[in-house]
Structure formats: structure tokens, C-alpha cells
Amino acid sequence: MVRDSAGNIYATDEDAAKCKGCGVAFKLDAAGTYTLLHSFGGGTDGYKPMANLVRDSAGNLYGTTEYGGITGGICGTLGCGVVFKVDSAGSETVLYKFTGGRDGGKLTCNLIRDSAGNLYGTTYAGGNTAGECATISGITIPGCGTVFKLDTAGALTVLHTFTAAEGANSVAGLVRDSEGNFYGTTLQGGASNKGVVFKLAP
């Protein structure tokens, strides 16, 4: 959850509203009053938000969905996931639709945001298109995941592509220190295939 200066809490729920599992973004005020901000449709706008939201000074909320966006191709009918913005009026904008290729796919990570408005996160699959690591609902998505940057114009840069040996299938977000280094974890990979803690230098 993310909290504003007035004590309002903002979060997502993966299993509600228009279709089972499509999810919502919502607000809960200090008195416990619930406000629905956005109901995901399960298609191009995103499907199954799993992670926390990040909020800017204007009240816009940013997050990820595990599925949705581009359907067909590598990710089949589920889609490969999106990064989205929901403004204070509840209007959603899809900032980026993942393809499941070199950019990555399947997002369960929390985003972080820098002072310039760039967003950073990880993907569970995609990246290394040679083909290893991830099977999702019977659909094999080549690659072990990526670390990415999304700028304010919607341009995505892959900062790192994982391999099975060094760490694979990140499901968590990143933290960043004052020198610009990123830290995170992977679910699998490493010497014992039990996951790793990693540092990524700028």
C-alpha cells in the first residue's frame, strides 16, 4: 500500500470487479471509506495487478499487471503485462505493454520512481529469447526476466537481462541507493537454483 499526507491509502486487489481476477485499484480513507479508482477489464488495459502502487506529487498512481496488454504471440490470450498510470480522477493510461520478448513479460513487481519521473521494475520472464526459465499456464515464455527503466515518454530501456545461472524469475521490486545502484531478488537461479539477492550498478 501507499499512503498520502492526509492518511488515505491506495492499493490494488487482483481478484475483483469486471471479471474474476481482473483486479482493481482503490482508495481507503482514514475513516475506512472505500473508493474504487479503476476496474481492470482483463484485456489491453491490464489484468491481475499483483504489486503495490507508487504515487507522485500530483496524485497519479503507477503500477504493474501480471497479464494483459498485448495478447497473442508469445504470451497467448493472457497477455504479457503492462505498466499503468491511474490519475486522481480514476482515469487509467497504459504506459507500456510488454511483448514477452527482449523487453520481458509477466510483472508482479513493485515499481520505484526517481525524481525525474522514471519508473524501474523487474519482469518474471522474457529477455533472453534463447529460451529458458519460465512456463506460465502452460505457455513457455523464453527468458529469465529483465530489469527495466520506463521514462516519462513511455520509452522502455532494458537495464539487465537475467540468465538461469545468475538469477531468474524476479517477482519482487527493486530498491535503489543514493549512488544509483539497484538491489533485488529472484525466485530461482543461482548456484542452488533457490534464487539470489543481486546488485545492479548504474
N, C-alpha and C. Protein backbone atom coordinates (compact mmCIF):
# COMPACT_ATOMS: atom_id res chain seq x y z
N MET A 1 0.84 -1.19 0.00
CA MET A 1 0.00 0.00 0.00
C MET A 1 0.87 1.25 0.00
N VAL A 2 0.31 2.34 -0.50
CA VAL A 2 0.98 3.63 -0.45
C VAL A 2 0.02 4.60 0.23
N ARG A 3 0.58 5.53 1.03
CA ARG A 3 -0.23 6.42 1.86
C ARG A 3 0.13 7.86 1.54
N ASP A 4 -0.87 8.76 1.49
CA ASP A 4 -0.61 10.16 1.25
C ASP A 4 -0.58 10.94 2.56
N SER A 5 -0.32 12.24 2.49
CA SER A 5 -0.17 13.06 3.70
C SER A 5 -1.47 13.21 4.49
N ALA A 6 -2.60 12.96 3.85
CA ALA A 6 -3.89 13.04 4.53
C ALA A 6 -4.29 11.72 5.19
N GLY A 7 -3.46 10.69 5.01
CA GLY A 7 -3.76 9.39 5.62
C GLY A 7 -4.56 8.47 4.74
N ASN A 8 -4.82 8.85 3.49
CA ASN A 8 -5.50 7.95 2.56
C ASN A 8 -4.54 6.86 2.10
N ILE A 9 -5.06 5.67 1.93
CA ILE A 9 -4.27 4.52 1.50
C ILE A 9 -4.72 4.11 0.10
N TYR A 10 -3.75 3.79 -0.76
CA TYR A 10 -4.01 3.38 -2.13
C TYR A 10 -3.39 2.00 -2.35
N ALA A 11 -4.14 1.13 -3.02
CA ALA A 11 -3.65 -0.24 -3.22
C ALA A 11 -4.39 -0.88 -4.38
N THR A 12 -4.00 -2.11 -4.70
CA THR A 12 -4.67 -2.90 -5.72
C THR A 12 -5.21 -4.19 -5.12
N ASP A 13 -6.19 -4.76 -5.80
CA ASP A 13 -6.75 -6.06 -5.45
C ASP A 13 -6.81 -6.85 -6.75
N GLU A 14 -6.22 -8.02 -6.76
CA GLU A 14 -6.11 -8.76 -8.02
C GLU A 14 -7.38 -9.49 -8.43
N ASP A 15 -8.36 -9.62 -7.55
CA ASP A 15 -9.49 -10.50 -7.82
C ASP A 15 -10.81 -9.81 -7.52
N ALA A 16 -11.24 -8.93 -8.42
CA ALA A 16 -12.48 -8.19 -8.17
C ALA A 16 -13.02 -7.60 -9.46
N ALA A 17 -14.24 -7.08 -9.35
CA ALA A 17 -14.87 -6.23 -10.36
C ALA A 17 -15.26 -6.93 -11.65
N LYS A 18 -14.86 -6.41 -12.81
CA LYS A 18 -15.47 -6.78 -14.08
C LYS A 18 -15.33 -8.26 -14.42
N CYS A 19 -14.22 -8.87 -14.08
CA CYS A 19 -14.06 -10.31 -14.31
C CYS A 19 -13.21 -10.87 -13.18
N LYS A 20 -13.43 -12.12 -12.85
CA LYS A 20 -12.69 -12.74 -11.76
C LYS A 20 -11.20 -12.71 -12.06
N GLY A 21 -10.44 -12.07 -11.19
CA GLY A 21 -9.00 -11.98 -11.38
C GLY A 21 -8.53 -10.76 -12.13
N CYS A 22 -9.45 -9.95 -12.67
CA CYS A 22 -9.01 -8.78 -13.44
C CYS A 22 -8.43 -7.70 -12.54
N GLY A 23 -9.06 -7.47 -11.39
CA GLY A 23 -8.50 -6.59 -10.39
C GLY A 23 -8.97 -5.16 -10.44
N VAL A 24 -8.63 -4.44 -9.37
CA VAL A 24 -8.99 -3.04 -9.22
C VAL A 24 -7.85 -2.28 -8.57
N ALA A 25 -7.88 -0.95 -8.72
CA ALA A 25 -7.10 -0.02 -7.91
C ALA A 25 -8.10 0.74 -7.05
N PHE A 26 -7.79 0.92 -5.76
CA PHE A 26 -8.76 1.54 -4.86
C PHE A 26 -8.09 2.47 -3.86
N LYS A 27 -8.92 3.29 -3.22
CA LYS A 27 -8.50 4.21 -2.17
C LYS A 27 -9.30 3.91 -0.91
N LEU A 28 -8.64 3.97 0.22
CA LEU A 28 -9.28 3.78 1.52
C LEU A 28 -8.91 4.98 2.37
N ASP A 29 -9.92 5.79 2.77
CA ASP A 29 -9.59 6.99 3.54
C ASP A 29 -9.43 6.68 5.02
N ALA A 30 -9.08 7.69 5.80
CA ALA A 30 -8.78 7.50 7.22
C ALA A 30 -9.98 7.00 8.02
N ALA A 31 -11.19 7.24 7.50
CA ALA A 31 -12.40 6.78 8.17
C ALA A 31 -12.81 5.37 7.73
N GLY A 32 -12.05 4.79 6.81
CA GLY A 32 -12.36 3.45 6.33
C GLY A 32 -13.30 3.41 5.14
N THR A 33 -13.52 4.56 4.50
CA THR A 33 -14.40 4.61 3.33
C THR A 33 -13.64 4.16 2.09
N TYR A 34 -14.23 3.21 1.38
CA TYR A 34 -13.61 2.62 0.19
C TYR A 34 -14.07 3.35 -1.06
N THR A 35 -13.12 3.71 -1.93
CA THR A 35 -13.43 4.31 -3.23
C THR A 35 -12.75 3.51 -4.32
N LEU A 36 -13.53 3.04 -5.28
CA LEU A 36 -12.97 2.33 -6.43
C LEU A 36 -12.41 3.37 -7.40
N LEU A 37 -11.11 3.25 -7.70
CA LEU A 37 -10.47 4.19 -8.61
C LEU A 37 -10.47 3.68 -10.05
N HIS A 38 -10.16 2.40 -10.22
CA HIS A 38 -10.16 1.82 -11.56
C HIS A 38 -10.44 0.33 -11.49
N SER A 39 -11.28 -0.14 -12.40
CA SER A 39 -11.58 -1.56 -12.53
C SER A 39 -10.98 -2.07 -13.83
N PHE A 40 -10.04 -3.00 -13.72
CA PHE A 40 -9.37 -3.52 -14.91
C PHE A 40 -10.30 -4.43 -15.70
N GLY A 41 -10.18 -4.35 -17.02
CA GLY A 41 -11.08 -5.08 -17.88
C GLY A 41 -10.58 -6.45 -18.30
N GLY A 42 -9.32 -6.75 -18.02
CA GLY A 42 -8.79 -8.06 -18.38
C GLY A 42 -8.26 -8.14 -19.79
N GLY A 43 -8.15 -7.01 -20.47
CA GLY A 43 -7.65 -7.00 -21.85
C GLY A 43 -6.46 -6.09 -21.98
N THR A 44 -6.55 -5.14 -22.91
CA THR A 44 -5.42 -4.27 -23.19
C THR A 44 -5.07 -3.35 -22.03
N ASP A 45 -6.02 -3.07 -21.13
CA ASP A 45 -5.74 -2.16 -20.01
C ASP A 45 -5.01 -2.84 -18.87
N GLY A 46 -4.83 -4.16 -18.95
CA GLY A 46 -4.15 -4.89 -17.90
C GLY A 46 -5.06 -5.88 -17.21
N TYR A 47 -4.43 -6.85 -16.58
CA TYR A 47 -5.15 -7.97 -15.99
C TYR A 47 -4.33 -8.52 -14.82
N LYS A 48 -4.93 -8.51 -13.63
CA LYS A 48 -4.33 -9.06 -12.42
C LYS A 48 -3.17 -8.22 -11.89
N PRO A 49 -3.48 -7.05 -11.29
CA PRO A 49 -2.43 -6.28 -10.61
C PRO A 49 -2.01 -7.00 -9.34
N MET A 50 -0.73 -7.27 -9.19
CA MET A 50 -0.23 -8.06 -8.06
C MET A 50 0.60 -7.23 -7.09
N ALA A 51 1.03 -6.04 -7.50
CA ALA A 51 2.04 -5.31 -6.75
C ALA A 51 1.49 -4.03 -6.14
N ASN A 52 2.30 -3.43 -5.29
CA ASN A 52 1.97 -2.14 -4.70
C ASN A 52 1.98 -1.04 -5.75
N LEU A 53 1.41 0.09 -5.38
CA LEU A 53 1.40 1.26 -6.24
C LEU A 53 2.46 2.26 -5.77
N VAL A 54 2.90 3.13 -6.67
CA VAL A 54 3.75 4.26 -6.31
C VAL A 54 3.00 5.52 -6.72
N ARG A 55 3.11 6.58 -5.92
CA ARG A 55 2.32 7.79 -6.12
C ARG A 55 3.23 8.99 -6.30
N ASP A 56 2.89 9.88 -7.26
CA ASP A 56 3.67 11.10 -7.45
C ASP A 56 3.02 12.27 -6.72
N SER A 57 3.66 13.44 -6.78
CA SER A 57 3.18 14.61 -6.04
C SER A 57 1.86 15.15 -6.58
N ALA A 58 1.51 14.80 -7.81
CA ALA A 58 0.24 15.24 -8.40
C ALA A 58 -0.91 14.29 -8.09
N GLY A 59 -0.61 13.19 -7.40
CA GLY A 59 -1.65 12.23 -7.04
C GLY A 59 -1.84 11.11 -8.03
N ASN A 60 -1.00 11.04 -9.06
CA ASN A 60 -1.07 9.93 -10.00
C ASN A 60 -0.48 8.67 -9.38
N LEU A 61 -1.10 7.54 -9.69
CA LEU A 61 -0.65 6.25 -9.18
C LEU A 61 -0.07 5.42 -10.33
N TYR A 62 1.01 4.69 -10.06
CA TYR A 62 1.67 3.87 -11.08
C TYR A 62 1.78 2.44 -10.56
N GLY A 63 1.56 1.48 -11.46
CA GLY A 63 1.65 0.09 -11.06
C GLY A 63 1.83 -0.83 -12.24
N THR A 64 1.81 -2.12 -11.97
CA THR A 64 2.00 -3.15 -12.99
C THR A 64 0.90 -4.19 -12.91
N THR A 65 0.67 -4.89 -14.01
CA THR A 65 -0.21 -6.05 -14.00
C THR A 65 0.57 -7.27 -14.51
N GLU A 66 0.20 -8.41 -13.98
CA GLU A 66 0.88 -9.64 -14.36
C GLU A 66 0.60 -10.01 -15.81
N TYR A 67 -0.64 -9.80 -16.24
CA TYR A 67 -1.08 -10.15 -17.59
C TYR A 67 -1.73 -8.95 -18.25
N GLY A 68 -2.33 -9.18 -19.42
CA GLY A 68 -2.99 -8.12 -20.16
C GLY A 68 -2.03 -7.39 -21.08
N GLY A 69 -2.57 -6.40 -21.77
CA GLY A 69 -1.76 -5.65 -22.74
C GLY A 69 -1.84 -6.27 -24.10
N ILE A 70 -0.72 -6.69 -24.63
CA ILE A 70 -0.67 -7.33 -25.95
C ILE A 70 -1.04 -8.80 -25.79
N THR A 71 -2.05 -9.25 -26.53
CA THR A 71 -2.44 -10.66 -26.50
C THR A 71 -2.06 -11.33 -27.81
N GLY A 72 -1.92 -12.65 -27.75
CA GLY A 72 -1.44 -13.38 -28.91
C GLY A 72 0.06 -13.46 -28.88
N GLY A 73 0.64 -14.13 -29.82
CA GLY A 73 2.09 -14.25 -29.88
C GLY A 73 2.62 -15.09 -28.72
N ILE A 74 3.74 -14.68 -28.16
CA ILE A 74 4.42 -15.44 -27.13
C ILE A 74 3.53 -15.67 -25.91
N CYS A 75 2.81 -14.66 -25.49
CA CYS A 75 2.05 -14.73 -24.23
C CYS A 75 0.63 -15.27 -24.40
N GLY A 76 0.23 -15.59 -25.61
CA GLY A 76 -1.09 -16.16 -25.82
C GLY A 76 -2.20 -15.18 -25.46
N THR A 77 -3.34 -15.72 -25.05
CA THR A 77 -4.51 -14.89 -24.76
C THR A 77 -4.39 -14.14 -23.44
N LEU A 78 -3.45 -14.53 -22.58
CA LEU A 78 -3.31 -13.86 -21.29
C LEU A 78 -2.68 -12.48 -21.42
N GLY A 79 -1.77 -12.31 -22.35
CA GLY A 79 -1.01 -11.07 -22.45
C GLY A 79 0.21 -11.12 -21.55
N CYS A 80 1.13 -10.22 -21.78
CA CYS A 80 2.45 -10.23 -21.11
C CYS A 80 2.57 -9.21 -19.99
N GLY A 81 1.54 -8.41 -19.74
CA GLY A 81 1.59 -7.44 -18.65
C GLY A 81 1.80 -6.02 -19.12
N VAL A 82 1.46 -5.08 -18.26
CA VAL A 82 1.57 -3.65 -18.57
C VAL A 82 2.10 -2.88 -17.37
N VAL A 83 2.61 -1.67 -17.67
CA VAL A 83 2.80 -0.64 -16.66
C VAL A 83 1.70 0.39 -16.89
N PHE A 84 1.01 0.80 -15.83
CA PHE A 84 -0.13 1.70 -15.98
C PHE A 84 -0.03 2.89 -15.04
N LYS A 85 -0.80 3.92 -15.39
CA LYS A 85 -0.98 5.09 -14.53
C LYS A 85 -2.47 5.30 -14.32
N VAL A 86 -2.87 5.58 -13.08
CA VAL A 86 -4.24 5.97 -12.77
C VAL A 86 -4.19 7.35 -12.16
N ASP A 87 -4.89 8.32 -12.76
CA ASP A 87 -4.85 9.68 -12.22
C ASP A 87 -5.83 9.85 -11.07
N SER A 88 -5.86 11.03 -10.48
CA SER A 88 -6.67 11.26 -9.28
C SER A 88 -8.16 11.15 -9.56
N ALA A 89 -8.56 11.24 -10.83
CA ALA A 89 -9.97 11.08 -11.21
C ALA A 89 -10.32 9.63 -11.52
N GLY A 90 -9.33 8.74 -11.48
CA GLY A 90 -9.58 7.32 -11.75
C GLY A 90 -9.43 6.93 -13.20
N SER A 91 -8.89 7.83 -14.03
CA SER A 91 -8.69 7.51 -15.44
C SER A 91 -7.37 6.77 -15.62
N GLU A 92 -7.41 5.62 -16.30
CA GLU A 92 -6.21 4.82 -16.48
C GLU A 92 -5.56 5.08 -17.83
N THR A 93 -4.23 5.12 -17.85
CA THR A 93 -3.44 5.18 -19.06
C THR A 93 -2.43 4.04 -19.03
N VAL A 94 -2.39 3.24 -20.07
CA VAL A 94 -1.36 2.21 -20.18
C VAL A 94 -0.10 2.87 -20.72
N LEU A 95 0.97 2.82 -19.92
CA LEU A 95 2.22 3.47 -20.29
C LEU A 95 3.10 2.57 -21.15
N TYR A 96 3.00 1.24 -20.93
CA TYR A 96 3.80 0.32 -21.74
C TYR A 96 3.16 -1.07 -21.70
N LYS A 97 3.10 -1.72 -22.88
CA LYS A 97 2.63 -3.10 -22.99
C LYS A 97 3.81 -4.00 -23.32
N PHE A 98 4.08 -4.97 -22.46
CA PHE A 98 5.22 -5.87 -22.67
C PHE A 98 4.89 -6.92 -23.72
N THR A 99 5.93 -7.33 -24.45
CA THR A 99 5.74 -8.26 -25.56
C THR A 99 6.12 -9.69 -25.21
N GLY A 100 6.86 -9.89 -24.10
CA GLY A 100 7.37 -11.22 -23.77
C GLY A 100 8.66 -11.54 -24.47
N GLY A 101 9.18 -10.61 -25.28
CA GLY A 101 10.45 -10.80 -25.97
C GLY A 101 11.59 -10.22 -25.17
N ARG A 102 12.46 -9.48 -25.83
CA ARG A 102 13.63 -8.94 -25.14
C ARG A 102 13.27 -7.93 -24.05
N ASP A 103 12.09 -7.33 -24.13
CA ASP A 103 11.68 -6.37 -23.10
C ASP A 103 11.21 -7.05 -21.81
N GLY A 104 10.86 -8.33 -21.90
CA GLY A 104 10.37 -9.05 -20.72
C GLY A 104 8.87 -9.26 -20.76
N GLY A 105 8.36 -9.94 -19.75
CA GLY A 105 6.93 -10.19 -19.65
C GLY A 105 6.58 -10.78 -18.30
N LYS A 106 5.32 -10.66 -17.93
CA LYS A 106 4.76 -11.12 -16.66
C LYS A 106 5.35 -10.32 -15.49
N LEU A 107 4.59 -9.32 -15.04
CA LEU A 107 5.07 -8.41 -14.00
C LEU A 107 4.29 -8.61 -12.70
N THR A 108 5.02 -8.89 -11.64
CA THR A 108 4.43 -8.95 -10.30
C THR A 108 5.17 -8.00 -9.37
N CYS A 109 6.01 -7.15 -9.93
CA CYS A 109 6.92 -6.33 -9.13
C CYS A 109 6.30 -5.00 -8.72
N ASN A 110 6.77 -4.48 -7.58
CA ASN A 110 6.52 -3.09 -7.23
C ASN A 110 7.44 -2.21 -8.07
N LEU A 111 6.94 -1.07 -8.49
CA LEU A 111 7.76 -0.10 -9.19
C LEU A 111 8.43 0.85 -8.20
N ILE A 112 9.55 1.41 -8.60
CA ILE A 112 10.11 2.56 -7.90
C ILE A 112 10.22 3.69 -8.90
N ARG A 113 10.25 4.91 -8.38
CA ARG A 113 10.22 6.10 -9.24
C ARG A 113 11.31 7.06 -8.78
N ASP A 114 12.07 7.64 -9.73
CA ASP A 114 13.10 8.59 -9.36
C ASP A 114 12.56 10.02 -9.45
N SER A 115 13.40 10.99 -9.10
CA SER A 115 12.96 12.38 -9.03
C SER A 115 12.61 12.96 -10.40
N ALA A 116 13.11 12.32 -11.47
CA ALA A 116 12.79 12.78 -12.83
C ALA A 116 11.52 12.14 -13.38
N GLY A 117 10.92 11.22 -12.61
CA GLY A 117 9.69 10.57 -13.04
C GLY A 117 9.88 9.25 -13.75
N ASN A 118 11.13 8.78 -13.88
CA ASN A 118 11.37 7.48 -14.49
C ASN A 118 10.93 6.36 -13.54
N LEU A 119 10.41 5.28 -14.12
CA LEU A 119 9.96 4.13 -13.36
C LEU A 119 10.91 2.96 -13.60
N TYR A 120 11.13 2.15 -12.54
CA TYR A 120 12.03 1.00 -12.63
C TYR A 120 11.33 -0.22 -12.05
N GLY A 121 11.58 -1.38 -12.67
CA GLY A 121 10.99 -2.61 -12.16
C GLY A 121 11.64 -3.83 -12.77
N THR A 122 11.06 -4.98 -12.49
CA THR A 122 11.56 -6.26 -12.99
C THR A 122 10.45 -7.04 -13.67
N THR A 123 10.84 -7.95 -14.54
CA THR A 123 9.87 -8.88 -15.13
C THR A 123 10.25 -10.31 -14.76
N TYR A 124 9.25 -11.16 -14.68
CA TYR A 124 9.47 -12.56 -14.32
C TYR A 124 10.08 -13.35 -15.48
N ALA A 125 9.68 -13.02 -16.69
CA ALA A 125 10.09 -13.79 -17.87
C ALA A 125 10.54 -12.85 -18.98
N GLY A 126 10.87 -13.43 -20.13
CA GLY A 126 11.33 -12.65 -21.27
C GLY A 126 12.79 -12.27 -21.12
N GLY A 127 13.26 -11.48 -22.05
CA GLY A 127 14.64 -11.04 -22.03
C GLY A 127 15.51 -11.89 -22.92
N ASN A 128 16.02 -12.99 -22.39
CA ASN A 128 16.87 -13.91 -23.16
C ASN A 128 15.98 -14.79 -24.02
N THR A 129 15.91 -14.50 -25.28
CA THR A 129 14.99 -15.22 -26.16
C THR A 129 15.51 -16.58 -26.60
N ALA A 130 16.65 -17.00 -26.05
CA ALA A 130 17.16 -18.34 -26.36
C ALA A 130 16.25 -19.42 -25.78
N GLY A 131 15.53 -19.09 -24.71
CA GLY A 131 14.50 -20.00 -24.21
C GLY A 131 14.88 -20.80 -23.00
N GLU A 132 14.61 -20.25 -21.81
CA GLU A 132 14.79 -20.97 -20.57
C GLU A 132 13.94 -20.31 -19.50
N CYS A 133 13.74 -20.99 -18.41
CA CYS A 133 13.23 -20.45 -17.15
C CYS A 133 11.71 -20.43 -16.94
N ALA A 134 10.88 -19.94 -17.83
CA ALA A 134 9.51 -19.62 -17.43
C ALA A 134 8.45 -20.36 -18.22
N THR A 135 7.53 -20.98 -17.50
CA THR A 135 6.32 -21.52 -18.10
C THR A 135 5.14 -20.93 -17.34
N ILE A 136 4.21 -20.30 -18.04
CA ILE A 136 3.08 -19.63 -17.42
C ILE A 136 1.80 -20.23 -17.97
N SER A 137 1.04 -20.89 -17.10
CA SER A 137 -0.22 -21.50 -17.50
C SER A 137 -0.06 -22.34 -18.76
N GLY A 138 1.04 -23.10 -18.82
CA GLY A 138 1.28 -23.97 -19.95
C GLY A 138 1.91 -23.29 -21.15
N ILE A 139 2.11 -21.96 -21.06
CA ILE A 139 2.71 -21.21 -22.15
C ILE A 139 4.16 -20.91 -21.80
N THR A 140 5.09 -21.37 -22.60
CA THR A 140 6.50 -21.13 -22.34
C THR A 140 6.89 -19.77 -22.90
N ILE A 141 7.36 -18.88 -22.01
CA ILE A 141 7.86 -17.58 -22.43
C ILE A 141 9.37 -17.63 -22.30
N PRO A 142 10.10 -17.55 -23.40
CA PRO A 142 11.55 -17.63 -23.31
C PRO A 142 12.13 -16.54 -22.42
N GLY A 143 13.16 -16.89 -21.68
CA GLY A 143 13.88 -15.90 -20.90
C GLY A 143 13.62 -15.98 -19.41
N CYS A 144 14.56 -15.43 -18.67
CA CYS A 144 14.56 -15.48 -17.20
C CYS A 144 14.17 -14.17 -16.55
N GLY A 145 13.79 -13.19 -17.36
CA GLY A 145 13.36 -11.91 -16.81
C GLY A 145 14.35 -10.79 -17.06
N THR A 146 13.92 -9.59 -16.74
CA THR A 146 14.70 -8.39 -17.00
C THR A 146 14.57 -7.40 -15.84
N VAL A 147 15.50 -6.43 -15.83
CA VAL A 147 15.35 -5.20 -15.05
C VAL A 147 15.16 -4.09 -16.07
N PHE A 148 14.16 -3.23 -15.88
CA PHE A 148 13.85 -2.23 -16.89
C PHE A 148 13.70 -0.83 -16.30
N LYS A 149 13.83 0.14 -17.19
CA LYS A 149 13.54 1.55 -16.91
C LYS A 149 12.51 2.02 -17.92
N LEU A 150 11.51 2.74 -17.44
CA LEU A 150 10.48 3.32 -18.32
C LEU A 150 10.48 4.82 -18.09
N ASP A 151 10.81 5.60 -19.14
CA ASP A 151 10.88 7.05 -18.95
C ASP A 151 9.51 7.70 -19.09
N THR A 152 9.46 9.00 -18.89
CA THR A 152 8.18 9.71 -18.87
C THR A 152 7.52 9.77 -20.24
N ALA A 153 8.28 9.50 -21.31
CA ALA A 153 7.71 9.47 -22.66
C ALA A 153 7.21 8.08 -23.04
N GLY A 154 7.36 7.10 -22.13
CA GLY A 154 6.91 5.74 -22.40
C GLY A 154 7.93 4.88 -23.12
N ALA A 155 9.19 5.34 -23.17
CA ALA A 155 10.25 4.56 -23.81
C ALA A 155 10.88 3.62 -22.78
N LEU A 156 10.95 2.34 -23.11
CA LEU A 156 11.50 1.34 -22.20
C LEU A 156 12.94 1.01 -22.56
N THR A 157 13.78 0.94 -21.53
CA THR A 157 15.17 0.51 -21.67
C THR A 157 15.40 -0.70 -20.79
N VAL A 158 15.91 -1.78 -21.37
CA VAL A 158 16.27 -2.96 -20.58
C VAL A 158 17.64 -2.70 -19.96
N LEU A 159 17.70 -2.66 -18.64
CA LEU A 159 18.94 -2.41 -17.93
C LEU A 159 19.74 -3.68 -17.71
N HIS A 160 19.05 -4.81 -17.59
CA HIS A 160 19.74 -6.08 -17.39
C HIS A 160 18.83 -7.23 -17.84
N THR A 161 19.43 -8.24 -18.43
CA THR A 161 18.74 -9.47 -18.81
C THR A 161 19.30 -10.62 -17.99
N PHE A 162 18.44 -11.31 -17.25
CA PHE A 162 18.90 -12.40 -16.37
C PHE A 162 19.19 -13.67 -17.15
N THR A 163 20.08 -14.49 -16.59
CA THR A 163 20.30 -15.85 -17.05
C THR A 163 20.03 -16.79 -15.88
N ALA A 164 19.80 -18.06 -16.16
CA ALA A 164 19.48 -19.02 -15.11
C ALA A 164 20.60 -19.14 -14.08
N ALA A 165 21.84 -19.02 -14.53
CA ALA A 165 22.98 -19.19 -13.62
C ALA A 165 23.08 -18.05 -12.60
N GLU A 166 22.78 -16.82 -13.02
CA GLU A 166 22.99 -15.68 -12.13
C GLU A 166 21.75 -15.30 -11.33
N GLY A 167 20.60 -15.84 -11.69
CA GLY A 167 19.34 -15.48 -11.04
C GLY A 167 18.23 -15.40 -12.06
N ALA A 168 17.06 -15.90 -11.71
CA ALA A 168 15.98 -15.98 -12.68
C ALA A 168 14.63 -15.74 -12.03
N ASN A 169 13.72 -15.14 -12.82
CA ASN A 169 12.31 -15.03 -12.43
C ASN A 169 12.12 -14.14 -11.20
N SER A 170 12.40 -12.87 -11.35
CA SER A 170 12.19 -11.92 -10.26
C SER A 170 10.70 -11.62 -10.11
N VAL A 171 10.21 -11.73 -8.89
CA VAL A 171 8.80 -11.42 -8.62
C VAL A 171 8.66 -10.22 -7.69
N ALA A 172 9.79 -9.66 -7.26
CA ALA A 172 9.77 -8.55 -6.32
C ALA A 172 10.28 -7.28 -6.98
N GLY A 173 10.08 -6.18 -6.31
CA GLY A 173 10.54 -4.91 -6.82
C GLY A 173 12.00 -4.64 -6.49
N LEU A 174 12.42 -3.43 -6.79
CA LEU A 174 13.80 -3.01 -6.57
C LEU A 174 13.86 -1.98 -5.45
N VAL A 175 15.04 -1.86 -4.85
CA VAL A 175 15.36 -0.69 -4.04
C VAL A 175 16.60 -0.06 -4.66
N ARG A 176 16.77 1.25 -4.43
CA ARG A 176 17.87 1.98 -5.06
C ARG A 176 18.56 2.84 -4.03
N ASP A 177 19.89 2.85 -4.04
CA ASP A 177 20.61 3.67 -3.08
C ASP A 177 20.95 5.04 -3.67
N SER A 178 21.60 5.87 -2.87
CA SER A 178 21.88 7.25 -3.29
C SER A 178 22.88 7.33 -4.45
N GLU A 179 23.63 6.27 -4.68
CA GLU A 179 24.59 6.24 -5.79
C GLU A 179 23.99 5.67 -7.07
N GLY A 180 22.72 5.26 -7.02
CA GLY A 180 22.05 4.75 -8.21
C GLY A 180 22.12 3.25 -8.39
N ASN A 181 22.68 2.53 -7.44
CA ASN A 181 22.70 1.07 -7.51
C ASN A 181 21.32 0.50 -7.20
N PHE A 182 20.95 -0.56 -7.92
CA PHE A 182 19.68 -1.25 -7.68
C PHE A 182 19.95 -2.57 -6.95
N TYR A 183 19.03 -2.95 -6.08
CA TYR A 183 19.11 -4.21 -5.35
C TYR A 183 17.77 -4.92 -5.47
N GLY A 184 17.82 -6.25 -5.59
CA GLY A 184 16.59 -7.02 -5.71
C GLY A 184 16.84 -8.49 -5.49
N THR A 185 15.82 -9.29 -5.72
CA THR A 185 15.88 -10.74 -5.53
C THR A 185 15.27 -11.46 -6.71
N THR A 186 15.65 -12.73 -6.87
CA THR A 186 15.00 -13.59 -7.86
C THR A 186 14.44 -14.81 -7.16
N LEU A 187 13.43 -15.39 -7.75
CA LEU A 187 12.77 -16.56 -7.19
C LEU A 187 13.59 -17.82 -7.39
N GLN A 188 14.28 -17.89 -8.52
CA GLN A 188 15.05 -19.08 -8.88
C GLN A 188 16.43 -18.65 -9.38
N GLY A 189 17.20 -19.64 -9.85
CA GLY A 189 18.53 -19.37 -10.37
C GLY A 189 19.58 -19.35 -9.27
N GLY A 190 20.81 -19.08 -9.66
CA GLY A 190 21.91 -19.12 -8.73
C GLY A 190 22.48 -20.53 -8.60
N ALA A 191 23.46 -20.69 -7.73
CA ALA A 191 24.19 -21.96 -7.60
C ALA A 191 23.29 -23.13 -7.24
N SER A 192 22.30 -22.91 -6.37
CA SER A 192 21.42 -24.00 -5.93
C SER A 192 20.02 -23.91 -6.54
N ASN A 193 19.83 -22.98 -7.47
CA ASN A 193 18.53 -22.72 -8.10
C ASN A 193 17.45 -22.37 -7.09
N LYS A 194 17.83 -21.72 -6.00
CA LYS A 194 16.89 -21.28 -4.97
C LYS A 194 16.73 -19.77 -4.96
N GLY A 195 17.31 -19.10 -5.96
CA GLY A 195 17.20 -17.66 -6.04
C GLY A 195 18.44 -16.94 -5.54
N VAL A 196 18.51 -15.65 -5.81
CA VAL A 196 19.66 -14.84 -5.43
C VAL A 196 19.20 -13.46 -4.94
N VAL A 197 20.10 -12.78 -4.24
CA VAL A 197 20.00 -11.34 -4.00
C VAL A 197 21.03 -10.69 -4.91
N PHE A 198 20.63 -9.69 -5.68
CA PHE A 198 21.54 -9.11 -6.66
C PHE A 198 21.68 -7.60 -6.48
N LYS A 199 22.79 -7.08 -6.98
CA LYS A 199 23.05 -5.66 -7.08
C LYS A 199 23.33 -5.34 -8.54
N LEU A 200 22.72 -4.28 -9.03
CA LEU A 200 22.92 -3.83 -10.41
C LEU A 200 23.43 -2.40 -10.37
N ALA A 201 24.66 -2.20 -10.83
CA ALA A 201 25.27 -0.87 -10.82
C ALA A 201 24.70 -0.03 -11.94
N PRO A 202 24.67 1.31 -11.76
CA PRO A 202 24.12 2.19 -12.80
C PRO A 202 25.01 2.20 -14.05
